[in-house]
Amino acid sequence: MTRIILADDHTILRQGIRTMLAAEPDFEVVAEAGTGQQLLDLLAATAVEVIVLDLTMPDMDGFTVLPKLRAQYPDVNVLVLSMLEHERYVAQALDAGAKGYVLKNAAISEIIHGIRTVALGRPFLCTEIGLETLRKLTLNLSDKLYHSHDQHPAELSGRELEVLQLIAEGLTNAEIADKLFTSKRTIETHRQNIIEKTQAKNTAALIKFAVNQGLVK
């Protein structure tokens, strides 16, 4: 069971989210907070796995609360739920200790997925932010793998191209294995082969390769 605190100064929004989360058998909303200080006071006596946190609260905003949460409750994972969509706010929140970031206009299914993801200690960005980040990555970053006239695009097999596309869509090795009806070990092998063929140093470089090959838009 994932125990959750909702921290947002809009009572109606908290109640709406609470009602929707109540339909999930593995979720339990154990408390609500309308300010940052109320959230800290609740955590002193309430054990939770996930905090769904708004950034623009009175008394103590989310940007002030996040470092305190990281210092005092390092095992609690925070999913920011905010109207602030500019990349600087996203970066600031993640740097301050948030594990994930979702915009308030996201579908409830995406919020639920975000909660489950950060509860496992994994990072999460909603689709809108992820796609915008990817777009800026392809526009602003230069990578010699794609811009050197002395290199040719890596030759990937059909299955490797499928795996690369799913990596670019944000799926984990286990999720890719389920989708392609194969084992996680097989996907790990494909991933390693892709890295070796593309000479990519990290997942961001793999995603950029996928974009340049037209596998994702």
N, C-alpha and C. Protein backbone atom coordinates (compact mmCIF):
# COMPACT_ATOMS: atom_id res chain seq x y z
N MET A 1 0.84 -1.20 0.00
CA MET A 1 0.00 0.00 0.00
C MET A 1 0.88 1.25 0.00
N THR A 2 0.61 2.17 -0.91
CA THR A 2 1.34 3.43 -0.98
C THR A 2 0.57 4.49 -0.21
N ARG A 3 1.18 4.97 0.87
CA ARG A 3 0.56 6.00 1.69
C ARG A 3 0.95 7.37 1.15
N ILE A 4 -0.03 8.25 1.00
CA ILE A 4 0.15 9.51 0.29
C ILE A 4 -0.36 10.68 1.12
N ILE A 5 0.38 11.80 1.07
CA ILE A 5 -0.11 13.08 1.57
C ILE A 5 -0.28 14.01 0.38
N LEU A 6 -1.42 14.70 0.33
CA LEU A 6 -1.67 15.71 -0.69
C LEU A 6 -1.41 17.08 -0.08
N ALA A 7 -0.52 17.85 -0.71
CA ALA A 7 -0.18 19.18 -0.20
C ALA A 7 -0.48 20.22 -1.28
N ASP A 8 -1.58 20.94 -1.09
CA ASP A 8 -2.00 21.96 -2.06
C ASP A 8 -2.93 22.92 -1.31
N ASP A 9 -2.84 24.20 -1.63
CA ASP A 9 -3.65 25.17 -0.89
C ASP A 9 -5.09 25.26 -1.42
N HIS A 10 -5.40 24.56 -2.50
CA HIS A 10 -6.77 24.56 -3.04
C HIS A 10 -7.52 23.33 -2.53
N THR A 11 -8.43 23.56 -1.63
CA THR A 11 -9.16 22.46 -1.00
C THR A 11 -9.93 21.63 -2.01
N ILE A 12 -10.58 22.29 -2.95
CA ILE A 12 -11.39 21.56 -3.94
C ILE A 12 -10.51 20.64 -4.79
N LEU A 13 -9.32 21.14 -5.17
CA LEU A 13 -8.42 20.31 -5.97
C LEU A 13 -7.96 19.10 -5.16
N ARG A 14 -7.62 19.32 -3.89
CA ARG A 14 -7.19 18.19 -3.05
C ARG A 14 -8.30 17.15 -2.94
N GLN A 15 -9.51 17.63 -2.72
CA GLN A 15 -10.63 16.70 -2.56
C GLN A 15 -10.88 15.92 -3.85
N GLY A 16 -10.75 16.61 -4.98
CA GLY A 16 -10.96 15.93 -6.26
C GLY A 16 -9.94 14.85 -6.51
N ILE A 17 -8.67 15.17 -6.24
CA ILE A 17 -7.61 14.18 -6.43
C ILE A 17 -7.79 13.03 -5.45
N ARG A 18 -8.14 13.37 -4.23
CA ARG A 18 -8.33 12.32 -3.21
C ARG A 18 -9.42 11.35 -3.64
N THR A 19 -10.50 11.87 -4.17
CA THR A 19 -11.60 11.02 -4.61
C THR A 19 -11.16 10.09 -5.72
N MET A 20 -10.40 10.62 -6.67
CA MET A 20 -9.94 9.79 -7.79
C MET A 20 -8.92 8.75 -7.35
N LEU A 21 -8.05 9.12 -6.42
CA LEU A 21 -7.05 8.16 -5.94
C LEU A 21 -7.68 7.07 -5.09
N ALA A 22 -8.82 7.37 -4.49
CA ALA A 22 -9.50 6.38 -3.65
C ALA A 22 -9.93 5.16 -4.46
N ALA A 23 -10.03 5.32 -5.77
CA ALA A 23 -10.42 4.19 -6.62
C ALA A 23 -9.28 3.22 -6.88
N GLU A 24 -8.07 3.61 -6.47
CA GLU A 24 -6.89 2.76 -6.67
C GLU A 24 -6.67 1.91 -5.43
N PRO A 25 -6.73 0.59 -5.54
CA PRO A 25 -6.65 -0.27 -4.34
C PRO A 25 -5.30 -0.24 -3.63
N ASP A 26 -4.25 0.22 -4.34
CA ASP A 26 -2.92 0.25 -3.72
C ASP A 26 -2.55 1.62 -3.19
N PHE A 27 -3.49 2.56 -3.20
CA PHE A 27 -3.24 3.92 -2.70
C PHE A 27 -4.06 4.18 -1.44
N GLU A 28 -3.46 4.94 -0.53
CA GLU A 28 -4.20 5.43 0.63
C GLU A 28 -3.76 6.86 0.91
N VAL A 29 -4.67 7.81 0.74
CA VAL A 29 -4.38 9.20 1.09
C VAL A 29 -4.60 9.34 2.59
N VAL A 30 -3.52 9.52 3.33
CA VAL A 30 -3.61 9.50 4.80
C VAL A 30 -3.76 10.89 5.39
N ALA A 31 -3.46 11.94 4.61
CA ALA A 31 -3.57 13.29 5.16
C ALA A 31 -3.52 14.31 4.02
N GLU A 32 -3.96 15.53 4.35
CA GLU A 32 -3.90 16.65 3.42
C GLU A 32 -3.31 17.86 4.13
N ALA A 33 -2.59 18.68 3.36
CA ALA A 33 -1.99 19.90 3.91
C ALA A 33 -2.27 21.05 2.96
N GLY A 34 -2.56 22.23 3.54
CA GLY A 34 -2.83 23.40 2.74
C GLY A 34 -1.66 24.35 2.65
N THR A 35 -0.63 24.12 3.47
CA THR A 35 0.57 24.96 3.45
C THR A 35 1.80 24.07 3.65
N GLY A 36 2.96 24.64 3.37
CA GLY A 36 4.19 23.90 3.57
C GLY A 36 4.43 23.55 5.02
N GLN A 37 4.11 24.47 5.91
CA GLN A 37 4.32 24.21 7.33
C GLN A 37 3.39 23.11 7.83
N GLN A 38 2.14 23.12 7.36
CA GLN A 38 1.22 22.04 7.73
C GLN A 38 1.75 20.69 7.29
N LEU A 39 2.35 20.67 6.11
CA LEU A 39 2.92 19.42 5.60
C LEU A 39 4.02 18.92 6.52
N LEU A 40 4.93 19.80 6.90
CA LEU A 40 6.02 19.40 7.79
C LEU A 40 5.49 18.93 9.14
N ASP A 41 4.47 19.61 9.64
CA ASP A 41 3.88 19.22 10.93
C ASP A 41 3.25 17.82 10.82
N LEU A 42 2.59 17.54 9.70
CA LEU A 42 1.97 16.23 9.51
C LEU A 42 3.02 15.13 9.45
N LEU A 43 4.12 15.39 8.74
CA LEU A 43 5.14 14.37 8.57
C LEU A 43 5.81 13.99 9.88
N ALA A 44 5.79 14.88 10.84
CA ALA A 44 6.39 14.58 12.13
C ALA A 44 5.69 13.43 12.83
N ALA A 45 4.41 13.18 12.44
CA ALA A 45 3.64 12.12 13.11
C ALA A 45 3.01 11.14 12.13
N THR A 46 3.29 11.30 10.83
CA THR A 46 2.63 10.48 9.83
C THR A 46 3.65 9.86 8.88
N ALA A 47 3.65 8.54 8.79
CA ALA A 47 4.57 7.85 7.88
C ALA A 47 3.92 7.72 6.51
N VAL A 48 4.63 8.17 5.48
CA VAL A 48 4.11 8.08 4.11
C VAL A 48 5.24 7.69 3.17
N GLU A 49 4.84 7.26 1.97
CA GLU A 49 5.82 6.94 0.92
C GLU A 49 5.91 8.04 -0.12
N VAL A 50 4.78 8.73 -0.37
CA VAL A 50 4.74 9.73 -1.45
C VAL A 50 4.03 10.99 -0.97
N ILE A 51 4.58 12.14 -1.35
CA ILE A 51 3.91 13.43 -1.17
C ILE A 51 3.61 13.99 -2.55
N VAL A 52 2.35 14.34 -2.79
CA VAL A 52 1.98 15.06 -4.01
C VAL A 52 1.96 16.53 -3.64
N LEU A 53 2.89 17.30 -4.19
CA LEU A 53 3.19 18.64 -3.67
C LEU A 53 2.97 19.73 -4.71
N ASP A 54 2.18 20.74 -4.34
CA ASP A 54 2.06 21.95 -5.14
C ASP A 54 3.24 22.86 -4.81
N LEU A 55 3.66 23.67 -5.78
CA LEU A 55 4.80 24.56 -5.56
C LEU A 55 4.39 25.93 -5.06
N THR A 56 3.18 26.36 -5.39
CA THR A 56 2.77 27.73 -5.06
C THR A 56 1.77 27.72 -3.91
N MET A 57 2.28 27.47 -2.70
CA MET A 57 1.45 27.47 -1.50
C MET A 57 1.82 28.66 -0.63
N PRO A 58 0.87 29.14 0.17
CA PRO A 58 1.19 30.23 1.10
C PRO A 58 2.03 29.73 2.27
N ASP A 59 2.53 30.68 3.06
CA ASP A 59 3.27 30.37 4.28
C ASP A 59 4.68 29.84 3.96
N MET A 60 4.76 28.75 3.23
CA MET A 60 6.04 28.16 2.84
C MET A 60 5.81 27.42 1.52
N ASP A 61 6.37 27.95 0.43
CA ASP A 61 6.07 27.34 -0.87
C ASP A 61 6.86 26.05 -1.07
N GLY A 62 6.54 25.38 -2.17
CA GLY A 62 7.14 24.08 -2.43
C GLY A 62 8.65 24.13 -2.59
N PHE A 63 9.15 25.21 -3.20
CA PHE A 63 10.59 25.32 -3.40
C PHE A 63 11.33 25.42 -2.06
N THR A 64 10.66 26.00 -1.07
CA THR A 64 11.26 26.09 0.28
C THR A 64 11.13 24.77 1.03
N VAL A 65 9.99 24.09 0.81
CA VAL A 65 9.74 22.83 1.52
C VAL A 65 10.63 21.70 1.02
N LEU A 66 10.89 21.65 -0.28
CA LEU A 66 11.60 20.50 -0.86
C LEU A 66 12.95 20.23 -0.21
N PRO A 67 13.83 21.22 -0.01
CA PRO A 67 15.11 20.92 0.65
C PRO A 67 14.93 20.40 2.08
N LYS A 68 13.89 20.89 2.76
CA LYS A 68 13.62 20.42 4.12
C LYS A 68 13.18 18.95 4.10
N LEU A 69 12.36 18.61 3.11
CA LEU A 69 11.93 17.22 2.99
C LEU A 69 13.11 16.31 2.69
N ARG A 70 13.98 16.75 1.79
CA ARG A 70 15.14 15.93 1.43
C ARG A 70 16.05 15.72 2.64
N ALA A 71 16.19 16.75 3.46
CA ALA A 71 17.08 16.65 4.63
C ALA A 71 16.45 15.83 5.75
N GLN A 72 15.16 16.03 6.00
CA GLN A 72 14.51 15.40 7.16
C GLN A 72 13.84 14.06 6.85
N TYR A 73 13.39 13.90 5.59
CA TYR A 73 12.65 12.68 5.22
C TYR A 73 13.18 12.17 3.88
N PRO A 74 14.42 11.74 3.83
CA PRO A 74 15.03 11.34 2.55
C PRO A 74 14.38 10.13 1.89
N ASP A 75 13.64 9.33 2.66
CA ASP A 75 13.01 8.14 2.09
C ASP A 75 11.62 8.42 1.51
N VAL A 76 11.13 9.63 1.70
CA VAL A 76 9.82 10.00 1.16
C VAL A 76 10.02 10.60 -0.23
N ASN A 77 9.30 10.08 -1.19
CA ASN A 77 9.43 10.56 -2.58
C ASN A 77 8.36 11.59 -2.89
N VAL A 78 8.77 12.65 -3.57
CA VAL A 78 7.88 13.78 -3.84
C VAL A 78 7.54 13.86 -5.32
N LEU A 79 6.26 13.91 -5.61
CA LEU A 79 5.78 14.17 -6.96
C LEU A 79 5.19 15.57 -6.98
N VAL A 80 5.83 16.49 -7.68
CA VAL A 80 5.30 17.85 -7.80
C VAL A 80 4.11 17.83 -8.74
N LEU A 81 3.03 18.50 -8.34
CA LEU A 81 1.85 18.67 -9.18
C LEU A 81 1.59 20.17 -9.26
N SER A 82 1.92 20.77 -10.40
CA SER A 82 1.97 22.23 -10.47
C SER A 82 1.45 22.76 -11.80
N MET A 83 1.07 24.04 -11.79
CA MET A 83 0.72 24.74 -13.02
C MET A 83 1.95 25.35 -13.68
N LEU A 84 3.06 25.38 -12.96
CA LEU A 84 4.29 26.00 -13.48
C LEU A 84 4.95 25.05 -14.47
N GLU A 85 5.00 25.45 -15.73
CA GLU A 85 5.48 24.54 -16.76
C GLU A 85 6.83 24.93 -17.34
N HIS A 86 7.35 26.10 -16.98
CA HIS A 86 8.64 26.52 -17.54
C HIS A 86 9.74 25.59 -17.05
N GLU A 87 10.69 25.32 -17.92
CA GLU A 87 11.75 24.37 -17.60
C GLU A 87 12.57 24.77 -16.38
N ARG A 88 12.69 26.06 -16.13
CA ARG A 88 13.49 26.46 -14.97
C ARG A 88 12.83 26.03 -13.67
N TYR A 89 11.49 26.03 -13.62
CA TYR A 89 10.78 25.57 -12.43
C TYR A 89 10.93 24.06 -12.27
N VAL A 90 10.84 23.36 -13.38
CA VAL A 90 11.01 21.91 -13.34
C VAL A 90 12.41 21.56 -12.85
N ALA A 91 13.42 22.20 -13.42
CA ALA A 91 14.80 21.93 -13.02
C ALA A 91 15.04 22.30 -11.56
N GLN A 92 14.48 23.43 -11.14
CA GLN A 92 14.66 23.86 -9.75
C GLN A 92 14.04 22.87 -8.77
N ALA A 93 12.84 22.38 -9.12
CA ALA A 93 12.17 21.42 -8.24
C ALA A 93 12.93 20.11 -8.16
N LEU A 94 13.40 19.62 -9.29
CA LEU A 94 14.15 18.37 -9.30
C LEU A 94 15.48 18.52 -8.56
N ASP A 95 16.14 19.65 -8.76
CA ASP A 95 17.39 19.89 -8.05
C ASP A 95 17.18 19.97 -6.54
N ALA A 96 16.00 20.47 -6.14
CA ALA A 96 15.71 20.62 -4.71
C ALA A 96 15.30 19.32 -4.05
N GLY A 97 15.05 18.27 -4.85
CA GLY A 97 14.75 16.99 -4.24
C GLY A 97 13.50 16.29 -4.73
N ALA A 98 12.71 16.94 -5.60
CA ALA A 98 11.52 16.25 -6.13
C ALA A 98 11.95 15.07 -6.99
N LYS A 99 11.18 14.00 -6.92
CA LYS A 99 11.47 12.82 -7.73
C LYS A 99 10.74 12.87 -9.08
N GLY A 100 9.60 13.58 -9.12
CA GLY A 100 8.84 13.67 -10.35
C GLY A 100 8.12 14.99 -10.46
N TYR A 101 7.61 15.27 -11.67
CA TYR A 101 6.95 16.55 -11.93
C TYR A 101 5.82 16.31 -12.92
N VAL A 102 4.60 16.73 -12.53
CA VAL A 102 3.42 16.58 -13.37
C VAL A 102 2.68 17.91 -13.40
N LEU A 103 2.19 18.29 -14.57
CA LEU A 103 1.39 19.50 -14.69
C LEU A 103 -0.04 19.22 -14.27
N LYS A 104 -0.71 20.25 -13.76
CA LYS A 104 -2.07 20.07 -13.26
C LYS A 104 -3.08 19.80 -14.37
N ASN A 105 -2.69 20.08 -15.61
CA ASN A 105 -3.61 19.76 -16.70
C ASN A 105 -3.43 18.34 -17.23
N ALA A 106 -2.58 17.56 -16.56
CA ALA A 106 -2.37 16.16 -16.97
C ALA A 106 -3.60 15.32 -16.64
N ALA A 107 -3.76 14.24 -17.35
CA ALA A 107 -4.86 13.32 -17.08
C ALA A 107 -4.63 12.63 -15.74
N ILE A 108 -5.71 12.24 -15.07
CA ILE A 108 -5.57 11.57 -13.77
C ILE A 108 -4.77 10.29 -13.91
N SER A 109 -4.89 9.62 -15.07
CA SER A 109 -4.13 8.38 -15.28
C SER A 109 -2.63 8.65 -15.25
N GLU A 110 -2.22 9.83 -15.74
CA GLU A 110 -0.80 10.16 -15.72
C GLU A 110 -0.34 10.51 -14.31
N ILE A 111 -1.20 11.17 -13.55
CA ILE A 111 -0.88 11.45 -12.15
C ILE A 111 -0.72 10.15 -11.37
N ILE A 112 -1.62 9.22 -11.60
CA ILE A 112 -1.55 7.91 -10.92
C ILE A 112 -0.26 7.19 -11.30
N HIS A 113 0.06 7.21 -12.59
CA HIS A 113 1.30 6.58 -13.04
C HIS A 113 2.51 7.25 -12.41
N GLY A 114 2.45 8.58 -12.30
CA GLY A 114 3.55 9.31 -11.67
C GLY A 114 3.73 8.93 -10.21
N ILE A 115 2.63 8.78 -9.49
CA ILE A 115 2.71 8.38 -8.08
C ILE A 115 3.34 7.00 -7.95
N ARG A 116 2.88 6.08 -8.77
CA ARG A 116 3.42 4.71 -8.70
C ARG A 116 4.91 4.70 -9.06
N THR A 117 5.31 5.52 -10.01
CA THR A 117 6.70 5.54 -10.44
C THR A 117 7.61 6.10 -9.35
N VAL A 118 7.24 7.26 -8.78
CA VAL A 118 8.11 7.85 -7.75
C VAL A 118 8.09 7.03 -6.47
N ALA A 119 6.98 6.32 -6.22
CA ALA A 119 6.92 5.46 -5.04
C ALA A 119 8.00 4.38 -5.10
N LEU A 120 8.40 4.01 -6.30
CA LEU A 120 9.47 3.03 -6.50
C LEU A 120 10.85 3.67 -6.49
N GLY A 121 10.88 4.99 -6.27
CA GLY A 121 12.15 5.69 -6.25
C GLY A 121 12.67 6.05 -7.63
N ARG A 122 11.79 5.96 -8.64
CA ARG A 122 12.20 6.25 -10.01
C ARG A 122 11.73 7.64 -10.41
N PRO A 123 12.51 8.36 -11.23
CA PRO A 123 12.09 9.70 -11.66
C PRO A 123 10.93 9.64 -12.63
N PHE A 124 10.15 10.73 -12.67
CA PHE A 124 8.99 10.77 -13.56
C PHE A 124 8.75 12.19 -14.03
N LEU A 125 8.56 12.36 -15.33
CA LEU A 125 8.11 13.62 -15.91
C LEU A 125 6.85 13.34 -16.71
N CYS A 126 5.85 14.21 -16.60
CA CYS A 126 4.65 14.01 -17.39
C CYS A 126 4.98 14.16 -18.87
N THR A 127 4.11 13.65 -19.70
CA THR A 127 4.37 13.60 -21.14
C THR A 127 4.66 14.97 -21.73
N GLU A 128 3.88 15.97 -21.34
CA GLU A 128 4.06 17.31 -21.92
C GLU A 128 5.44 17.87 -21.64
N ILE A 129 5.90 17.72 -20.39
CA ILE A 129 7.24 18.22 -20.04
C ILE A 129 8.31 17.38 -20.71
N GLY A 130 8.11 16.06 -20.72
CA GLY A 130 9.11 15.18 -21.33
C GLY A 130 9.31 15.48 -22.81
N LEU A 131 8.22 15.70 -23.53
CA LEU A 131 8.33 15.98 -24.96
C LEU A 131 8.97 17.35 -25.21
N GLU A 132 8.64 18.32 -24.37
CA GLU A 132 9.26 19.65 -24.54
C GLU A 132 10.75 19.59 -24.24
N THR A 133 11.11 18.83 -23.21
CA THR A 133 12.53 18.67 -22.89
C THR A 133 13.26 17.98 -24.03
N LEU A 134 12.62 16.97 -24.59
CA LEU A 134 13.22 16.25 -25.71
C LEU A 134 13.38 17.17 -26.91
N ARG A 135 12.37 18.01 -27.18
CA ARG A 135 12.45 18.93 -28.32
C ARG A 135 13.62 19.89 -28.16
N LYS A 136 13.78 20.42 -26.95
CA LYS A 136 14.87 21.37 -26.72
C LYS A 136 16.23 20.68 -26.76
N LEU A 137 16.24 19.43 -26.32
CA LEU A 137 17.48 18.67 -26.39
C LEU A 137 17.95 18.53 -27.83
N THR A 138 17.02 18.23 -28.71
CA THR A 138 17.40 18.03 -30.11
C THR A 138 17.76 19.35 -30.78
N LEU A 139 17.21 20.45 -30.30
CA LEU A 139 17.50 21.74 -30.90
C LEU A 139 18.82 22.34 -30.40
N ASN A 140 19.12 22.13 -29.13
CA ASN A 140 20.21 22.87 -28.50
C ASN A 140 21.51 22.09 -28.29
N LEU A 141 21.40 20.78 -28.21
CA LEU A 141 22.61 20.01 -27.96
C LEU A 141 23.26 19.58 -29.26
N SER A 142 24.56 19.64 -29.30
CA SER A 142 25.29 19.11 -30.46
C SER A 142 26.01 17.86 -30.01
N ASP A 143 25.97 16.86 -30.84
CA ASP A 143 26.62 15.59 -30.50
C ASP A 143 27.39 15.13 -31.72
N LYS A 144 28.66 14.87 -31.55
CA LYS A 144 29.49 14.52 -32.69
C LYS A 144 29.03 13.23 -33.37
N LEU A 145 28.27 12.41 -32.63
CA LEU A 145 27.77 11.19 -33.24
C LEU A 145 26.89 11.48 -34.45
N TYR A 146 26.20 12.64 -34.40
CA TYR A 146 25.25 12.97 -35.46
C TYR A 146 25.71 14.08 -36.39
N HIS A 147 26.75 14.81 -35.99
CA HIS A 147 27.16 15.96 -36.77
C HIS A 147 28.51 15.79 -37.45
N SER A 148 29.22 14.73 -37.14
CA SER A 148 30.51 14.51 -37.79
C SER A 148 30.29 13.92 -39.18
N HIS A 149 30.92 14.52 -40.21
CA HIS A 149 30.79 14.01 -41.57
C HIS A 149 31.57 12.71 -41.76
N ASP A 150 32.40 12.38 -40.78
CA ASP A 150 33.23 11.18 -40.90
C ASP A 150 32.53 9.94 -40.37
N GLN A 151 31.35 10.15 -39.76
CA GLN A 151 30.64 9.02 -39.19
C GLN A 151 29.36 8.76 -39.95
N HIS A 152 28.96 7.52 -39.95
CA HIS A 152 27.70 7.14 -40.58
C HIS A 152 26.76 6.64 -39.49
N PRO A 153 25.44 6.79 -39.67
CA PRO A 153 24.49 6.32 -38.66
C PRO A 153 24.72 4.84 -38.33
N ALA A 154 24.61 4.52 -37.07
CA ALA A 154 24.79 3.13 -36.66
C ALA A 154 23.73 2.26 -37.33
N GLU A 155 24.12 1.06 -37.72
CA GLU A 155 23.19 0.13 -38.35
C GLU A 155 22.60 -0.78 -37.27
N LEU A 156 21.34 -0.56 -36.98
CA LEU A 156 20.65 -1.34 -35.96
C LEU A 156 19.71 -2.32 -36.62
N SER A 157 19.53 -3.45 -35.96
CA SER A 157 18.58 -4.44 -36.46
C SER A 157 17.16 -3.95 -36.24
N GLY A 158 16.22 -4.63 -36.87
CA GLY A 158 14.82 -4.24 -36.71
C GLY A 158 14.38 -4.30 -35.26
N ARG A 159 14.77 -5.33 -34.54
CA ARG A 159 14.39 -5.45 -33.14
C ARG A 159 15.07 -4.38 -32.29
N GLU A 160 16.34 -4.09 -32.61
CA GLU A 160 17.04 -3.03 -31.88
C GLU A 160 16.38 -1.68 -32.09
N LEU A 161 15.87 -1.42 -33.29
CA LEU A 161 15.15 -0.18 -33.56
C LEU A 161 13.86 -0.12 -32.75
N GLU A 162 13.17 -1.26 -32.62
CA GLU A 162 11.96 -1.31 -31.80
C GLU A 162 12.28 -0.99 -30.35
N VAL A 163 13.35 -1.61 -29.84
CA VAL A 163 13.75 -1.38 -28.44
C VAL A 163 14.13 0.08 -28.25
N LEU A 164 14.87 0.65 -29.20
CA LEU A 164 15.30 2.04 -29.09
C LEU A 164 14.10 2.98 -29.06
N GLN A 165 13.10 2.70 -29.88
CA GLN A 165 11.90 3.54 -29.89
C GLN A 165 11.21 3.51 -28.53
N LEU A 166 11.14 2.34 -27.93
CA LEU A 166 10.47 2.21 -26.63
C LEU A 166 11.30 2.85 -25.52
N ILE A 167 12.63 2.79 -25.63
CA ILE A 167 13.48 3.51 -24.68
C ILE A 167 13.20 5.00 -24.76
N ALA A 168 13.09 5.51 -26.00
CA ALA A 168 12.83 6.93 -26.21
C ALA A 168 11.47 7.35 -25.67
N GLU A 169 10.54 6.39 -25.59
CA GLU A 169 9.21 6.68 -25.05
C GLU A 169 9.18 6.59 -23.53
N GLY A 170 10.33 6.26 -22.92
CA GLY A 170 10.43 6.28 -21.47
C GLY A 170 10.16 4.97 -20.77
N LEU A 171 10.06 3.87 -21.50
CA LEU A 171 9.77 2.58 -20.88
C LEU A 171 11.04 1.99 -20.26
N THR A 172 10.87 1.26 -19.18
CA THR A 172 11.97 0.56 -18.54
C THR A 172 12.25 -0.75 -19.29
N ASN A 173 13.37 -1.39 -18.96
CA ASN A 173 13.69 -2.68 -19.59
C ASN A 173 12.58 -3.70 -19.36
N ALA A 174 12.05 -3.73 -18.15
CA ALA A 174 10.99 -4.69 -17.83
C ALA A 174 9.72 -4.40 -18.62
N GLU A 175 9.39 -3.11 -18.75
CA GLU A 175 8.19 -2.73 -19.49
C GLU A 175 8.35 -3.04 -20.98
N ILE A 176 9.55 -2.83 -21.50
CA ILE A 176 9.82 -3.15 -22.91
C ILE A 176 9.71 -4.65 -23.13
N ALA A 177 10.24 -5.42 -22.19
CA ALA A 177 10.18 -6.88 -22.30
C ALA A 177 8.73 -7.35 -22.35
N ASP A 178 7.88 -6.77 -21.50
CA ASP A 178 6.46 -7.15 -21.51
C ASP A 178 5.81 -6.79 -22.83
N LYS A 179 6.14 -5.61 -23.34
CA LYS A 179 5.51 -5.14 -24.57
C LYS A 179 5.93 -5.97 -25.78
N LEU A 180 7.19 -6.44 -25.78
CA LEU A 180 7.70 -7.19 -26.92
C LEU A 180 7.64 -8.71 -26.68
N PHE A 181 7.03 -9.10 -25.55
CA PHE A 181 6.84 -10.53 -25.23
C PHE A 181 8.17 -11.28 -25.22
N THR A 182 9.13 -10.72 -24.51
CA THR A 182 10.43 -11.38 -24.37
C THR A 182 10.91 -11.17 -22.95
N SER A 183 12.14 -11.60 -22.67
CA SER A 183 12.66 -11.51 -21.31
C SER A 183 13.37 -10.19 -21.09
N LYS A 184 13.45 -9.81 -19.81
CA LYS A 184 14.18 -8.59 -19.45
C LYS A 184 15.65 -8.72 -19.82
N ARG A 185 16.21 -9.91 -19.65
CA ARG A 185 17.63 -10.12 -19.99
C ARG A 185 17.87 -9.89 -21.48
N THR A 186 16.93 -10.33 -22.32
CA THR A 186 17.07 -10.11 -23.76
C THR A 186 17.06 -8.62 -24.08
N ILE A 187 16.18 -7.87 -23.43
CA ILE A 187 16.12 -6.43 -23.66
C ILE A 187 17.40 -5.76 -23.19
N GLU A 188 17.94 -6.21 -22.06
CA GLU A 188 19.20 -5.65 -21.58
C GLU A 188 20.32 -5.88 -22.58
N THR A 189 20.31 -7.06 -23.22
CA THR A 189 21.31 -7.35 -24.26
C THR A 189 21.13 -6.43 -25.46
N HIS A 190 19.88 -6.26 -25.90
CA HIS A 190 19.61 -5.36 -27.02
C HIS A 190 20.08 -3.94 -26.67
N ARG A 191 19.77 -3.52 -25.46
CA ARG A 191 20.13 -2.15 -25.04
C ARG A 191 21.64 -1.96 -25.08
N GLN A 192 22.38 -2.96 -24.59
CA GLN A 192 23.83 -2.87 -24.59
C GLN A 192 24.37 -2.84 -26.02
N ASN A 193 23.78 -3.63 -26.91
CA ASN A 193 24.20 -3.63 -28.31
C ASN A 193 23.94 -2.28 -28.96
N ILE A 194 22.79 -1.67 -28.62
CA ILE A 194 22.46 -0.35 -29.17
C ILE A 194 23.48 0.69 -28.70
N ILE A 195 23.81 0.64 -27.42
CA ILE A 195 24.79 1.58 -26.86
C ILE A 195 26.13 1.44 -27.56
N GLU A 196 26.55 0.19 -27.78
CA GLU A 196 27.83 -0.04 -28.42
C GLU A 196 27.81 0.43 -29.88
N LYS A 197 26.73 0.17 -30.58
CA LYS A 197 26.66 0.56 -31.99
C LYS A 197 26.56 2.08 -32.18
N THR A 198 25.82 2.74 -31.30
CA THR A 198 25.64 4.18 -31.44
C THR A 198 26.71 4.99 -30.72
N GLN A 199 27.47 4.31 -29.85
CA GLN A 199 28.48 4.97 -29.02
C GLN A 199 27.85 6.02 -28.11
N ALA A 200 26.59 5.82 -27.78
CA ALA A 200 25.89 6.75 -26.89
C ALA A 200 26.41 6.57 -25.47
N LYS A 201 26.58 7.68 -24.78
CA LYS A 201 27.12 7.63 -23.42
C LYS A 201 26.03 7.51 -22.36
N ASN A 202 24.80 7.86 -22.71
CA ASN A 202 23.72 7.83 -21.72
C ASN A 202 22.38 7.75 -22.43
N THR A 203 21.31 7.69 -21.64
CA THR A 203 19.97 7.56 -22.21
C THR A 203 19.59 8.78 -23.03
N ALA A 204 20.00 9.97 -22.59
CA ALA A 204 19.69 11.19 -23.34
C ALA A 204 20.27 11.11 -24.75
N ALA A 205 21.49 10.60 -24.87
CA ALA A 205 22.11 10.47 -26.20
C ALA A 205 21.38 9.44 -27.05
N LEU A 206 20.90 8.36 -26.41
CA LEU A 206 20.11 7.37 -27.13
C LEU A 206 18.81 7.97 -27.65
N ILE A 207 18.16 8.79 -26.80
CA ILE A 207 16.92 9.43 -27.21
C ILE A 207 17.17 10.37 -28.38
N LYS A 208 18.27 11.10 -28.33
CA LYS A 208 18.57 12.02 -29.42
C LYS A 208 18.81 11.24 -30.72
N PHE A 209 19.47 10.12 -30.62
CA PHE A 209 19.68 9.27 -31.79
C PHE A 209 18.34 8.85 -32.38
N ALA A 210 17.42 8.44 -31.47
CA ALA A 210 16.10 8.00 -31.92
C ALA A 210 15.37 9.13 -32.64
N VAL A 211 15.48 10.34 -32.12
CA VAL A 211 14.82 11.49 -32.74
C VAL A 211 15.41 11.75 -34.12
N ASN A 212 16.73 11.70 -34.22
CA ASN A 212 17.39 11.97 -35.49
C ASN A 212 17.08 10.89 -36.53
N GLN A 213 16.77 9.69 -36.06
CA GLN A 213 16.41 8.61 -36.98
C GLN A 213 14.93 8.60 -37.31
N GLY A 214 14.19 9.56 -36.71
CA GLY A 214 12.76 9.66 -37.00
C GLY A 214 11.91 8.64 -36.27
N LEU A 215 12.46 8.03 -35.20
CA LEU A 215 11.70 7.01 -34.46
C LEU A 215 10.69 7.64 -33.53
N VAL A 216 10.97 8.87 -33.05
CA VAL A 216 10.02 9.60 -32.21
C VAL A 216 9.95 11.02 -32.74
N LYS A 217 8.83 11.68 -32.50
CA LYS A 217 8.62 13.03 -33.00
C LYS A 217 8.78 14.02 -31.87
